[in-house]
Amino acid sequence: MNPAHLWPPLLLIGSNVLMTFAWYGHLKRPAWPIWLAVIASWGIAFFEYCLAVPANRIGYGTFTGQQLKVMQEVITLSVFAGFSVLVLGEPLRWTYLAAMACLIAAVIFIFLPID
């Protein structure tokens, strides 16, 4: 497999893990003042960008911008599904799984050859 096909999804997975913690990790710390939650989130987001930007730079050309965006959305919701269950202790409802099925359909459509 060409590294240009492999690195973008791997970097996007890492990026989304970091961003999920940046956006939602502070919910486990309700006693934190909001300014501390914001600063902690910004600190994590810096490292998220250090993965997201290269993922898109490396992937663009091998993938279209639209393909990269749909890939990122599916990865985001997949990462968040695990986070919401494992970290936040929320149940994974059937409606979430139905939404993921719709996104999988979007992936199929966005990666179909247009010739």
C-alpha atoms as a PDB file:
ATOM      1  CA  MET A   1       0.000   0.000   0.000  1.00  0.00           C
ATOM      2  CA  ASN A   2       1.224   3.460  -0.890  1.00  0.00           C
ATOM      3  CA  PRO A   3       2.173   5.454   2.273  1.00  0.00           C
ATOM      4  CA  ALA A   4       0.083   8.356   0.968  1.00  0.00           C
ATOM      5  CA  HIS A   5      -2.960   6.067   1.387  1.00  0.00           C
ATOM      6  CA  LEU A   6      -1.944   4.935   4.889  1.00  0.00           C
ATOM      7  CA  TRP A   7      -0.662   8.048   6.679  1.00  0.00           C
ATOM      8  CA  PRO A   8      -3.697  10.331   6.327  1.00  0.00           C
ATOM      9  CA  PRO A   9      -6.169   7.992   8.070  1.00  0.00           C
ATOM     10  CA  LEU A  10      -3.643   7.120  10.784  1.00  0.00           C
ATOM     11  CA  LEU A  11      -2.835  10.772  11.434  1.00  0.00           C
ATOM     12  CA  LEU A  12      -6.542  11.652  11.381  1.00  0.00           C
ATOM     13  CA  ILE A  13      -7.268   8.966  13.982  1.00  0.00           C
ATOM     14  CA  GLY A  14      -4.571  10.413  16.261  1.00  0.00           C
ATOM     15  CA  SER A  15      -5.812  13.918  15.584  1.00  0.00           C
ATOM     16  CA  ASN A  16      -9.383  13.001  16.436  1.00  0.00           C
ATOM     17  CA  VAL A  17      -8.428  11.241  19.654  1.00  0.00           C
ATOM     18  CA  LEU A  18      -6.658  14.415  20.776  1.00  0.00           C
ATOM     19  CA  MET A  19      -9.467  16.724  19.660  1.00  0.00           C
ATOM     20  CA  THR A  20     -12.107  14.611  21.361  1.00  0.00           C
ATOM     21  CA  PHE A  21     -10.184  14.955  24.635  1.00  0.00           C
ATOM     22  CA  ALA A  22      -9.734  18.679  23.994  1.00  0.00           C
ATOM     23  CA  TRP A  23     -13.448  19.264  23.410  1.00  0.00           C
ATOM     24  CA  TYR A  24     -14.983  16.782  25.845  1.00  0.00           C
ATOM     25  CA  GLY A  25     -12.326  15.565  28.297  1.00  0.00           C
ATOM     26  CA  HIS A  26     -12.941  18.477  30.656  1.00  0.00           C
ATOM     27  CA  LEU A  27     -16.522  17.263  31.172  1.00  0.00           C
ATOM     28  CA  LYS A  28     -15.057  14.742  33.610  1.00  0.00           C
ATOM     29  CA  ARG A  29     -13.702  17.690  35.625  1.00  0.00           C
ATOM     30  CA  PRO A  30     -16.777  19.824  36.372  1.00  0.00           C
ATOM     31  CA  ALA A  31     -14.996  21.505  39.305  1.00  0.00           C
ATOM     32  CA  TRP A  32     -12.447  23.104  36.974  1.00  0.00           C
ATOM     33  CA  PRO A  33     -13.063  26.787  36.310  1.00  0.00           C
ATOM     34  CA  ILE A  34     -13.986  27.444  32.686  1.00  0.00           C
ATOM     35  CA  TRP A  35     -10.721  29.308  32.027  1.00  0.00           C
ATOM     36  CA  LEU A  36      -8.731  26.206  33.027  1.00  0.00           C
ATOM     37  CA  ALA A  37     -10.855  23.988  30.779  1.00  0.00           C
ATOM     38  CA  VAL A  38     -10.291  26.399  27.875  1.00  0.00           C
ATOM     39  CA  ILE A  39      -6.511  26.591  28.400  1.00  0.00           C
ATOM     40  CA  ALA A  40      -6.200  22.817  28.779  1.00  0.00           C
ATOM     41  CA  SER A  41      -8.282  22.317  25.629  1.00  0.00           C
ATOM     42  CA  TRP A  42      -6.176  24.787  23.655  1.00  0.00           C
ATOM     43  CA  GLY A  43      -3.017  23.013  24.763  1.00  0.00           C
ATOM     44  CA  ILE A  44      -4.341  19.678  23.551  1.00  0.00           C
ATOM     45  CA  ALA A  45      -5.686  21.229  20.330  1.00  0.00           C
ATOM     46  CA  PHE A  46      -2.196  22.444  19.385  1.00  0.00           C
ATOM     47  CA  PHE A  47      -1.004  18.842  19.181  1.00  0.00           C
ATOM     48  CA  GLU A  48      -4.188  17.849  17.359  1.00  0.00           C
ATOM     49  CA  TYR A  49      -3.366  20.378  14.652  1.00  0.00           C
ATOM     50  CA  CYS A  50       0.169  18.980  14.462  1.00  0.00           C
ATOM     51  CA  LEU A  51      -1.445  15.757  13.220  1.00  0.00           C
ATOM     52  CA  ALA A  52      -4.448  17.057  11.264  1.00  0.00           C
ATOM     53  CA  VAL A  53      -2.555  19.488   9.041  1.00  0.00           C
ATOM     54  CA  PRO A  54       0.044  16.928   7.890  1.00  0.00           C
ATOM     55  CA  ALA A  55      -2.718  14.341   7.389  1.00  0.00           C
ATOM     56  CA  ASN A  56      -4.444  16.627   4.933  1.00  0.00           C
ATOM     57  CA  ARG A  57      -1.238  17.849   3.274  1.00  0.00           C
ATOM     58  CA  ILE A  58       0.046  14.305   2.757  1.00  0.00           C
ATOM     59  CA  GLY A  59      -3.353  12.975   1.708  1.00  0.00           C
ATOM     60  CA  TYR A  60      -4.343  15.702  -0.714  1.00  0.00           C
ATOM     61  CA  GLY A  61      -3.598  14.558  -4.240  1.00  0.00           C
ATOM     62  CA  THR A  62      -3.961  10.908  -3.309  1.00  0.00           C
ATOM     63  CA  PHE A  63      -7.426  11.760  -1.989  1.00  0.00           C
ATOM     64  CA  THR A  64      -9.647  14.664  -2.966  1.00  0.00           C
ATOM     65  CA  GLY A  65     -10.508  17.320  -0.408  1.00  0.00           C
ATOM     66  CA  GLN A  66     -14.029  15.893  -0.261  1.00  0.00           C
ATOM     67  CA  GLN A  67     -12.731  12.393   0.393  1.00  0.00           C
ATOM     68  CA  LEU A  68     -10.453  13.654   3.165  1.00  0.00           C
ATOM     69  CA  LYS A  69     -13.353  15.501   4.810  1.00  0.00           C
ATOM     70  CA  VAL A  70     -15.738  12.533   4.719  1.00  0.00           C
ATOM     71  CA  MET A  71     -12.944  10.279   6.016  1.00  0.00           C
ATOM     72  CA  GLN A  72     -12.342  12.724   8.868  1.00  0.00           C
ATOM     73  CA  GLU A  73     -16.046  12.853   9.775  1.00  0.00           C
ATOM     74  CA  VAL A  74     -16.357   9.066   9.961  1.00  0.00           C
ATOM     75  CA  ILE A  75     -13.185   8.850  12.043  1.00  0.00           C
ATOM     76  CA  THR A  76     -14.461  11.634  14.326  1.00  0.00           C
ATOM     77  CA  LEU A  77     -17.749   9.890  15.051  1.00  0.00           C
ATOM     78  CA  SER A  78     -16.053   6.518  15.487  1.00  0.00           C
ATOM     79  CA  VAL A  79     -13.556   7.952  17.972  1.00  0.00           C
ATOM     80  CA  PHE A  80     -16.316   9.814  19.799  1.00  0.00           C
ATOM     81  CA  ALA A  81     -18.455   6.667  20.042  1.00  0.00           C
ATOM     82  CA  GLY A  82     -15.641   4.947  21.926  1.00  0.00           C
ATOM     83  CA  PHE A  83     -14.943   8.037  24.040  1.00  0.00           C
ATOM     84  CA  SER A  84     -18.576   8.508  25.025  1.00  0.00           C
ATOM     85  CA  VAL A  85     -18.840   4.887  26.178  1.00  0.00           C
ATOM     86  CA  LEU A  86     -15.406   4.430  27.770  1.00  0.00           C
ATOM     87  CA  VAL A  87     -14.770   7.887  29.257  1.00  0.00           C
ATOM     88  CA  LEU A  88     -18.166   9.511  29.704  1.00  0.00           C
ATOM     89  CA  GLY A  89     -20.000   6.267  30.547  1.00  0.00           C
ATOM     90  CA  GLU A  90     -22.815   6.926  28.077  1.00  0.00           C
ATOM     91  CA  PRO A  91     -24.661   4.108  26.328  1.00  0.00           C
ATOM     92  CA  LEU A  92     -24.290   3.644  22.590  1.00  0.00           C
ATOM     93  CA  ARG A  93     -27.869   3.930  21.332  1.00  0.00           C
ATOM     94  CA  TRP A  94     -29.251   2.443  18.130  1.00  0.00           C
ATOM     95  CA  THR A  95     -29.786   5.941  16.719  1.00  0.00           C
ATOM     96  CA  TYR A  96     -26.052   6.597  16.876  1.00  0.00           C
ATOM     97  CA  LEU A  97     -25.402   3.349  15.021  1.00  0.00           C
ATOM     98  CA  ALA A  98     -27.996   4.315  12.398  1.00  0.00           C
ATOM     99  CA  ALA A  99     -26.247   7.647  11.911  1.00  0.00           C
ATOM    100  CA  MET A 100     -22.927   5.827  11.494  1.00  0.00           C
ATOM    101  CA  ALA A 101     -24.520   3.611   8.832  1.00  0.00           C
ATOM    102  CA  CYS A 102     -25.523   6.765   6.944  1.00  0.00           C
ATOM    103  CA  LEU A 103     -21.947   8.035   7.156  1.00  0.00           C
ATOM    104  CA  ILE A 104     -20.616   4.728   5.900  1.00  0.00           C
ATOM    105  CA  ALA A 105     -22.944   5.150   2.931  1.00  0.00           C
ATOM    106  CA  ALA A 106     -21.437   8.623   2.428  1.00  0.00           C
ATOM    107  CA  VAL A 107     -17.952   7.070   2.373  1.00  0.00           C
ATOM    108  CA  ILE A 108     -19.047   4.561  -0.228  1.00  0.00           C
ATOM    109  CA  PHE A 109     -20.494   7.305  -2.422  1.00  0.00           C
ATOM    110  CA  ILE A 110     -17.537   9.704  -2.042  1.00  0.00           C
ATOM    111  CA  PHE A 111     -15.011   7.000  -2.963  1.00  0.00           C
ATOM    112  CA  LEU A 112     -16.925   5.610  -5.963  1.00  0.00           C
ATOM    113  CA  PRO A 113     -15.044   6.124  -9.207  1.00  0.00           C
ATOM    114  CA  ILE A 114     -16.761   8.686 -11.393  1.00  0.00           C
ATOM    115  CA  ASP A 115     -15.645   7.308 -14.734  1.00  0.00           C
END
